[in-house]
Amino acid sequence: GFVETLADASDLPAAESKRYFDLMLDHTRRMQHLLDDLLTLSQLESDNHALKDDVPINVHDLAEALKSDAESLSRGRHNIQLKLDSQAGLKGNLQEVRSALGNLVSNAVRYTPDGGKITLAWREQGDEGIFSVADTGEGIAPEHIPRLTERFYRVDRSRSRETGGTGLGLAIVKHVLTRHGARLDIQSIPGKGSTFSIAFPAQRIQRQVVSDNGKVIPFPERGQAVGSA
């Protein structure tokens, strides 16, 4: 391995030593990412109880944070946009919801070629709240879509190694959505791109207003009278 090579060859040129160190760092980061995802998935699978830390979530703030994360991962290689057509918020576990949406966003960045477009959108459709991540990437063949949320399922194993994915991201998304009563819809056209949409049910939606000082204030849940217990 690289460690043995460095230990046995103290006279390696500096450039070659740096290359080995960079490769080791890359492998270490991938292993850490895999362990983090395995731990997250294990916790979600073992926790069959009611959601903890079920709180109002400001979707606009969350979307802005996800866009910032995407820009950091993209490093200027993509056109990343927000399309926020609803002022509604969510009620749920912030850490879990951010993890699920973050996995969709990071996948879009990883699998969209340089110069492509990624759009994060939030809208209401009927009684549901829809958060979607659309990209102009390579797209996914129809036969793969039903299996995308399986552990370690790969559409293209060689491509996954290049992009650094663990194969667990969409499995994590699936478990988070199940716990929130939400569902995942995947639309994709090979060669054109994909749209991953999460539909949150009516009981998870909270309407919001913006006060004069810019503070976002959630309305009571739908069907609940103002001032009721």
Foldseek 3Di string as FASTA:
>chain_A
DLVVVCVVCVPDDPVVNVVSVVVVVLVVVLVVVLVVLVVLLVVLVVDPDAADPFAKFFVVVLVVVLQVVLCVLLVQQEAEEEAEPARKIFTGHVVLVSLLVSLVSLVQSLFAGGHKYWYWYWDDDVLKIKTKIKIFGQWADPVCVVPQLPAQDDRDVVSCVVSSDRSHSSVSNVSSCVSQVKDWDKDTDGNGIIMIMIIGGNQTIWHWDADPVRDIDTDPRPPDDPPDD
